[in-house]
Amino acid sequence: MKNVLEHKGYTGTVEFSAADEIFFGKINGVRDVVTFEADSVVKLKKAFREAVDDYIDTCARLGKDPDKEFKGSFNVRIKPRLHRLAVIKSTTMKISLNQFVEQVIAKEVAE
């Protein structure tokens, strides 16, 4: 993936502000807003790692469990016909619908 940093199971998206000449981003998938910024790629990576570590430490100090970015389950709404076809396909493959969806998503996001 492009423009994504990873540290301790968390990811952060990265953007660039040409007007301010800085890189900036935020940790994805947590309820709290955790941001980071820097004026170089090396500093940005360091700032992201520090933001994740600080988030985890702050949660510990507050006695709060830090949000895990993704839990591995989500609801998907699709057209009934597509749902039916996916069930038929997964059945012919002798796998569950969840396994089928996971395989299709894995194929699509593989680089």
C-alpha atoms as a PDB file:
ATOM      1  CA  MET A   1       0.000   0.000   0.000  1.00  0.00           C
ATOM      2  CA  LYS A   2       1.108   3.525  -0.670  1.00  0.00           C
ATOM      3  CA  ASN A   3       1.205   6.279   1.909  1.00  0.00           C
ATOM      4  CA  VAL A   4       0.710   3.917   4.860  1.00  0.00           C
ATOM      5  CA  LEU A   5       2.986   3.432   7.856  1.00  0.00           C
ATOM      6  CA  GLU A   6       2.786   0.422  10.213  1.00  0.00           C
ATOM      7  CA  HIS A   7       3.928   0.001  13.826  1.00  0.00           C
ATOM      8  CA  LYS A   8       2.771  -2.418  16.556  1.00  0.00           C
ATOM      9  CA  GLY A   9      -0.326  -3.434  14.608  1.00  0.00           C
ATOM     10  CA  TYR A  10      -1.448   0.128  13.900  1.00  0.00           C
ATOM     11  CA  THR A  11      -1.388   1.914  10.567  1.00  0.00           C
ATOM     12  CA  GLY A  12      -1.219   5.575   9.760  1.00  0.00           C
ATOM     13  CA  THR A  13      -2.076   7.376   6.571  1.00  0.00           C
ATOM     14  CA  VAL A  14       0.295   9.979   5.209  1.00  0.00           C
ATOM     15  CA  GLU A  15      -0.385  13.156   3.267  1.00  0.00           C
ATOM     16  CA  PHE A  16       1.708  16.104   2.174  1.00  0.00           C
ATOM     17  CA  SER A  17       0.880  19.785   2.504  1.00  0.00           C
ATOM     18  CA  ALA A  18       2.679  21.675  -0.265  1.00  0.00           C
ATOM     19  CA  ALA A  19       1.637  24.995   1.257  1.00  0.00           C
ATOM     20  CA  ASP A  20       3.153  24.159   4.655  1.00  0.00           C
ATOM     21  CA  GLU A  21       5.879  21.882   3.272  1.00  0.00           C
ATOM     22  CA  ILE A  22       5.178  19.160   5.836  1.00  0.00           C
ATOM     23  CA  PHE A  23       4.090  15.559   5.869  1.00  0.00           C
ATOM     24  CA  PHE A  24       1.224  14.746   8.220  1.00  0.00           C
ATOM     25  CA  GLY A  25      -1.027  11.869   9.099  1.00  0.00           C
ATOM     26  CA  LYS A  26      -3.152  10.124  11.677  1.00  0.00           C
ATOM     27  CA  ILE A  27      -3.470   6.676  13.185  1.00  0.00           C
ATOM     28  CA  ASN A  28      -6.311   4.773  11.517  1.00  0.00           C
ATOM     29  CA  GLY A  29      -9.037   2.784  13.179  1.00  0.00           C
ATOM     30  CA  VAL A  30      -8.889   4.168  16.711  1.00  0.00           C
ATOM     31  CA  ARG A  31     -11.633   6.222  18.332  1.00  0.00           C
ATOM     32  CA  ASP A  32      -9.178   8.809  19.627  1.00  0.00           C
ATOM     33  CA  VAL A  33      -7.657  11.317  17.221  1.00  0.00           C
ATOM     34  CA  VAL A  34      -3.918  10.671  17.105  1.00  0.00           C
ATOM     35  CA  THR A  35      -1.939  12.727  14.599  1.00  0.00           C
ATOM     36  CA  PHE A  36       1.710  13.160  13.671  1.00  0.00           C
ATOM     37  CA  GLU A  37       3.725  15.416  11.371  1.00  0.00           C
ATOM     38  CA  ALA A  38       7.269  16.151  10.240  1.00  0.00           C
ATOM     39  CA  ASP A  39       9.244  17.920   7.543  1.00  0.00           C
ATOM     40  CA  SER A  40      11.044  14.822   6.198  1.00  0.00           C
ATOM     41  CA  VAL A  41      10.228  11.186   5.562  1.00  0.00           C
ATOM     42  CA  VAL A  42      12.720   9.961   8.148  1.00  0.00           C
ATOM     43  CA  LYS A  43      11.284  12.298  10.790  1.00  0.00           C
ATOM     44  CA  LEU A  44       7.731  11.369   9.782  1.00  0.00           C
ATOM     45  CA  LYS A  45       8.366   7.665  10.325  1.00  0.00           C
ATOM     46  CA  LYS A  46       9.851   8.438  13.736  1.00  0.00           C
ATOM     47  CA  ALA A  47       6.929  10.738  14.623  1.00  0.00           C
ATOM     48  CA  PHE A  48       4.448   8.006  13.659  1.00  0.00           C
ATOM     49  CA  ARG A  49       6.177   5.387  15.836  1.00  0.00           C
ATOM     50  CA  GLU A  50       6.281   7.870  18.723  1.00  0.00           C
ATOM     51  CA  ALA A  51       2.573   8.673  18.245  1.00  0.00           C
ATOM     52  CA  VAL A  52       1.646   4.978  18.415  1.00  0.00           C
ATOM     53  CA  ASP A  53       3.852   4.397  21.461  1.00  0.00           C
ATOM     54  CA  ASP A  54       2.450   7.509  23.166  1.00  0.00           C
ATOM     55  CA  TYR A  55      -1.107   6.415  22.424  1.00  0.00           C
ATOM     56  CA  ILE A  56      -0.479   2.989  23.990  1.00  0.00           C
ATOM     57  CA  ASP A  57       1.310   4.533  27.006  1.00  0.00           C
ATOM     58  CA  THR A  58      -1.421   7.141  27.543  1.00  0.00           C
ATOM     59  CA  CYS A  59      -4.112   4.468  27.470  1.00  0.00           C
ATOM     60  CA  ALA A  60      -2.146   2.457  30.051  1.00  0.00           C
ATOM     61  CA  ARG A  61      -1.793   5.503  32.327  1.00  0.00           C
ATOM     62  CA  LEU A  62      -5.547   6.140  32.075  1.00  0.00           C
ATOM     63  CA  GLY A  63      -6.385   2.488  32.729  1.00  0.00           C
ATOM     64  CA  LYS A  64      -8.016   2.257  29.318  1.00  0.00           C
ATOM     65  CA  ASP A  65      -7.536  -0.535  26.795  1.00  0.00           C
ATOM     66  CA  PRO A  66      -6.112   0.904  23.574  1.00  0.00           C
ATOM     67  CA  ASP A  67      -8.287   0.370  20.531  1.00  0.00           C
ATOM     68  CA  LYS A  68      -7.073  -2.350  18.266  1.00  0.00           C
ATOM     69  CA  GLU A  69      -7.104  -1.112  14.741  1.00  0.00           C
ATOM     70  CA  PHE A  70      -9.113  -3.931  13.173  1.00  0.00           C
ATOM     71  CA  LYS A  71     -10.830  -6.872  14.787  1.00  0.00           C
ATOM     72  CA  GLY A  72     -11.261  -8.994  11.649  1.00  0.00           C
ATOM     73  CA  SER A  73     -15.030  -8.852  11.435  1.00  0.00           C
ATOM     74  CA  PHE A  74     -17.259  -6.434   9.587  1.00  0.00           C
ATOM     75  CA  ASN A  75     -20.712  -6.267   8.032  1.00  0.00           C
ATOM     76  CA  VAL A  76     -20.972  -6.052   4.279  1.00  0.00           C
ATOM     77  CA  ARG A  77     -24.131  -5.099   2.429  1.00  0.00           C
ATOM     78  CA  ILE A  78     -24.384  -6.379  -1.131  1.00  0.00           C
ATOM     79  CA  LYS A  79     -27.150  -6.967  -3.650  1.00  0.00           C
ATOM     80  CA  PRO A  80     -29.177 -10.124  -2.968  1.00  0.00           C
ATOM     81  CA  ARG A  81     -28.245 -11.648  -6.341  1.00  0.00           C
ATOM     82  CA  LEU A  82     -24.532 -11.209  -5.649  1.00  0.00           C
ATOM     83  CA  HIS A  83     -24.989 -12.714  -2.178  1.00  0.00           C
ATOM     84  CA  ARG A  84     -26.717 -15.743  -3.743  1.00  0.00           C
ATOM     85  CA  LEU A  85     -23.973 -16.200  -6.349  1.00  0.00           C
ATOM     86  CA  ALA A  86     -21.274 -15.953  -3.674  1.00  0.00           C
ATOM     87  CA  VAL A  87     -22.990 -18.641  -1.592  1.00  0.00           C
ATOM     88  CA  ILE A  88     -23.307 -20.896  -4.649  1.00  0.00           C
ATOM     89  CA  LYS A  89     -19.637 -20.381  -5.535  1.00  0.00           C
ATOM     90  CA  SER A  90     -18.399 -20.993  -1.969  1.00  0.00           C
ATOM     91  CA  THR A  91     -20.558 -24.108  -1.719  1.00  0.00           C
ATOM     92  CA  THR A  92     -19.143 -25.533  -4.942  1.00  0.00           C
ATOM     93  CA  MET A  93     -15.655 -24.817  -3.580  1.00  0.00           C
ATOM     94  CA  LYS A  94     -16.630 -26.618  -0.329  1.00  0.00           C
ATOM     95  CA  ILE A  95     -15.690 -23.620   1.821  1.00  0.00           C
ATOM     96  CA  SER A  96     -17.709 -21.252   3.978  1.00  0.00           C
ATOM     97  CA  LEU A  97     -18.937 -17.926   2.687  1.00  0.00           C
ATOM     98  CA  ASN A  98     -16.534 -16.218   5.123  1.00  0.00           C
ATOM     99  CA  GLN A  99     -13.588 -18.177   3.707  1.00  0.00           C
ATOM    100  CA  PHE A 100     -14.677 -17.320   0.165  1.00  0.00           C
ATOM    101  CA  VAL A 101     -14.966 -13.598   0.926  1.00  0.00           C
ATOM    102  CA  GLU A 102     -11.594 -13.648   2.687  1.00  0.00           C
ATOM    103  CA  GLN A 103      -9.939 -15.301  -0.337  1.00  0.00           C
ATOM    104  CA  VAL A 104     -11.461 -12.794  -2.761  1.00  0.00           C
ATOM    105  CA  ILE A 105     -10.404  -9.828  -0.631  1.00  0.00           C
ATOM    106  CA  ALA A 106      -6.894 -11.263  -0.166  1.00  0.00           C
ATOM    107  CA  LYS A 107      -6.547 -11.645  -3.920  1.00  0.00           C
ATOM    108  CA  GLU A 108      -7.708  -8.089  -4.569  1.00  0.00           C
ATOM    109  CA  VAL A 109      -5.428  -6.409  -2.017  1.00  0.00           C
ATOM    110  CA  ALA A 110      -2.310  -8.472  -2.756  1.00  0.00           C
ATOM    111  CA  GLU A 111       0.490  -6.445  -4.254  1.00  0.00           C
END
